[in-house]
Amino acid sequence: MTDYKTRDDRAALEADFDRLPGEQSSRAGEVSTVVSVRLRGDELSIVEQAASAANLPLSTFIRQAALGAAGSLDVRAVTARVEAIQNEARKLAALLHGDAA
């Protein structure tokens, strides 16, 4: 497996991770671009800690931050994500309390 294949596989995996529940997979043959960003050691440490706290891969965290800064907030998408997280939290709470749903 080449480095490019590995990066393509990782990009596809991260795209799947970023999709909202019910969204279709990306179209076959869709091209993504790798962008390099220069960070000082202390900056990288801060960004890595934030990505870890958000439980996101570093590249996903950086992409989401960049897109968030570049565009307006998609309230519908954020609401859908929050509702999905709340549903998962309710299921986990029910399992912890022995109330299998």
C-alpha atoms as a PDB file:
ATOM      1  CA  MET A   1       0.000   0.000   0.000  1.00  0.00           C
ATOM      2  CA  THR A   2       1.493   3.376  -0.972  1.00  0.00           C
ATOM      3  CA  ASP A   3       1.460   6.501   1.178  1.00  0.00           C
ATOM      4  CA  TYR A   4      -1.080   8.067  -1.180  1.00  0.00           C
ATOM      5  CA  LYS A   5      -3.379   5.074  -0.842  1.00  0.00           C
ATOM      6  CA  THR A   6      -3.085   5.326   2.945  1.00  0.00           C
ATOM      7  CA  ARG A   7      -3.916   9.057   2.884  1.00  0.00           C
ATOM      8  CA  ASP A   8      -6.883   8.423   0.567  1.00  0.00           C
ATOM      9  CA  ASP A   9      -8.151   5.685   2.865  1.00  0.00           C
ATOM     10  CA  ARG A  10      -7.752   7.927   5.908  1.00  0.00           C
ATOM     11  CA  ALA A  11      -9.518  10.841   4.174  1.00  0.00           C
ATOM     12  CA  ALA A  12     -12.421   8.560   3.251  1.00  0.00           C
ATOM     13  CA  LEU A  13     -12.624   7.251   6.807  1.00  0.00           C
ATOM     14  CA  GLU A  14     -12.646  10.780   8.209  1.00  0.00           C
ATOM     15  CA  ALA A  15     -15.295  11.844   5.686  1.00  0.00           C
ATOM     16  CA  ASP A  16     -17.454   8.955   6.901  1.00  0.00           C
ATOM     17  CA  PHE A  17     -16.824  10.061  10.495  1.00  0.00           C
ATOM     18  CA  ASP A  18     -17.900  13.632   9.715  1.00  0.00           C
ATOM     19  CA  ARG A  19     -21.162  12.673   8.014  1.00  0.00           C
ATOM     20  CA  LEU A  20     -24.388  13.288   9.912  1.00  0.00           C
ATOM     21  CA  PRO A  21     -26.637  10.298  10.659  1.00  0.00           C
ATOM     22  CA  GLY A  22     -28.566   9.311   7.540  1.00  0.00           C
ATOM     23  CA  GLU A  23     -26.271  11.116   5.101  1.00  0.00           C
ATOM     24  CA  GLN A  24     -25.094   9.143   2.087  1.00  0.00           C
ATOM     25  CA  SER A  25     -21.478   8.173   1.552  1.00  0.00           C
ATOM     26  CA  SER A  26     -19.446  10.449  -0.708  1.00  0.00           C
ATOM     27  CA  ARG A  27     -19.640   9.768  -4.448  1.00  0.00           C
ATOM     28  CA  ALA A  28     -17.157   7.327  -5.912  1.00  0.00           C
ATOM     29  CA  GLY A  29     -14.178   9.073  -7.447  1.00  0.00           C
ATOM     30  CA  GLU A  30     -14.669  12.292  -5.480  1.00  0.00           C
ATOM     31  CA  VAL A  31     -11.293  13.964  -5.046  1.00  0.00           C
ATOM     32  CA  SER A  32      -9.978  15.490  -1.837  1.00  0.00           C
ATOM     33  CA  THR A  33      -6.928  17.687  -1.430  1.00  0.00           C
ATOM     34  CA  VAL A  34      -4.271  17.472   1.267  1.00  0.00           C
ATOM     35  CA  VAL A  35      -3.273  20.876   2.686  1.00  0.00           C
ATOM     36  CA  SER A  36      -0.159  21.392   4.802  1.00  0.00           C
ATOM     37  CA  VAL A  37      -0.285  23.817   7.719  1.00  0.00           C
ATOM     38  CA  ARG A  38       2.784  25.023   9.592  1.00  0.00           C
ATOM     39  CA  LEU A  39       2.402  25.190  13.386  1.00  0.00           C
ATOM     40  CA  ARG A  40       4.973  25.882  16.082  1.00  0.00           C
ATOM     41  CA  GLY A  41       5.438  23.125  18.671  1.00  0.00           C
ATOM     42  CA  ASP A  42       3.408  24.939  21.303  1.00  0.00           C
ATOM     43  CA  GLU A  43       0.615  25.624  18.796  1.00  0.00           C
ATOM     44  CA  LEU A  44       0.534  22.006  17.699  1.00  0.00           C
ATOM     45  CA  SER A  45       0.306  20.867  21.294  1.00  0.00           C
ATOM     46  CA  ILE A  46      -2.686  23.148  21.925  1.00  0.00           C
ATOM     47  CA  VAL A  47      -4.484  21.950  18.778  1.00  0.00           C
ATOM     48  CA  GLU A  48      -3.745  18.280  19.554  1.00  0.00           C
ATOM     49  CA  GLN A  49      -5.130  18.679  23.069  1.00  0.00           C
ATOM     50  CA  ALA A  50      -8.293  20.325  21.724  1.00  0.00           C
ATOM     51  CA  ALA A  51      -8.758  17.550  19.128  1.00  0.00           C
ATOM     52  CA  SER A  52      -8.258  14.912  21.806  1.00  0.00           C
ATOM     53  CA  ALA A  53     -10.755  16.638  24.118  1.00  0.00           C
ATOM     54  CA  ALA A  54     -13.262  16.695  21.247  1.00  0.00           C
ATOM     55  CA  ASN A  55     -12.507  12.995  20.593  1.00  0.00           C
ATOM     56  CA  LEU A  56     -11.666  13.773  16.971  1.00  0.00           C
ATOM     57  CA  PRO A  57      -8.720  12.903  14.752  1.00  0.00           C
ATOM     58  CA  LEU A  58      -6.382  15.891  14.439  1.00  0.00           C
ATOM     59  CA  SER A  59      -7.081  16.405  10.729  1.00  0.00           C
ATOM     60  CA  THR A  60     -10.850  16.264  11.275  1.00  0.00           C
ATOM     61  CA  PHE A  61     -10.601  18.805  14.093  1.00  0.00           C
ATOM     62  CA  ILE A  62      -8.508  21.180  11.966  1.00  0.00           C
ATOM     63  CA  ARG A  63     -10.829  20.776   8.949  1.00  0.00           C
ATOM     64  CA  GLN A  64     -13.940  21.458  11.037  1.00  0.00           C
ATOM     65  CA  ALA A  65     -12.320  24.501  12.671  1.00  0.00           C
ATOM     66  CA  ALA A  66     -11.229  25.901   9.307  1.00  0.00           C
ATOM     67  CA  LEU A  67     -14.634  25.357   7.711  1.00  0.00           C
ATOM     68  CA  GLY A  68     -16.361  26.823  10.753  1.00  0.00           C
ATOM     69  CA  ALA A  69     -14.201  29.933  10.549  1.00  0.00           C
ATOM     70  CA  ALA A  70     -14.690  30.216   6.779  1.00  0.00           C
ATOM     71  CA  GLY A  71     -18.457  29.965   6.609  1.00  0.00           C
ATOM     72  CA  SER A  72     -21.610  30.614   8.503  1.00  0.00           C
ATOM     73  CA  LEU A  73     -22.955  28.141  11.031  1.00  0.00           C
ATOM     74  CA  ASP A  74     -25.329  25.539   9.567  1.00  0.00           C
ATOM     75  CA  VAL A  75     -27.873  25.518  12.388  1.00  0.00           C
ATOM     76  CA  ARG A  76     -29.818  22.604  10.866  1.00  0.00           C
ATOM     77  CA  ALA A  77     -26.732  20.415  10.690  1.00  0.00           C
ATOM     78  CA  VAL A  78     -25.618  21.349  14.202  1.00  0.00           C
ATOM     79  CA  THR A  79     -29.109  20.675  15.551  1.00  0.00           C
ATOM     80  CA  ALA A  80     -29.173  17.272  13.850  1.00  0.00           C
ATOM     81  CA  ARG A  81     -25.774  16.392  15.308  1.00  0.00           C
ATOM     82  CA  VAL A  82     -26.829  17.529  18.808  1.00  0.00           C
ATOM     83  CA  GLU A  83     -30.037  15.485  18.601  1.00  0.00           C
ATOM     84  CA  ALA A  84     -28.094  12.402  17.486  1.00  0.00           C
ATOM     85  CA  ILE A  85     -25.674  12.827  20.406  1.00  0.00           C
ATOM     86  CA  GLN A  86     -28.547  13.299  22.841  1.00  0.00           C
ATOM     87  CA  ASN A  87     -30.224  10.120  21.572  1.00  0.00           C
ATOM     88  CA  GLU A  88     -26.987   8.166  22.007  1.00  0.00           C
ATOM     89  CA  ALA A  89     -26.550   9.612  25.504  1.00  0.00           C
ATOM     90  CA  ARG A  90     -30.091   8.514  26.430  1.00  0.00           C
ATOM     91  CA  LYS A  91     -29.385   4.995  25.151  1.00  0.00           C
ATOM     92  CA  LEU A  92     -26.155   4.822  27.152  1.00  0.00           C
ATOM     93  CA  ALA A  93     -27.873   6.112  30.280  1.00  0.00           C
ATOM     94  CA  ALA A  94     -30.610   3.497  29.862  1.00  0.00           C
ATOM     95  CA  LEU A  95     -28.003   0.752  29.487  1.00  0.00           C
ATOM     96  CA  LEU A  96     -26.162   1.965  32.589  1.00  0.00           C
ATOM     97  CA  HIS A  97     -29.397   1.858  34.570  1.00  0.00           C
ATOM     98  CA  GLY A  98     -30.352  -1.554  33.202  1.00  0.00           C
ATOM     99  CA  ASP A  99     -33.266  -0.275  31.102  1.00  0.00           C
ATOM    100  CA  ALA A 100     -32.507  -1.894  27.730  1.00  0.00           C
ATOM    101  CA  ALA A 101     -34.511  -0.010  25.092  1.00  0.00           C
END
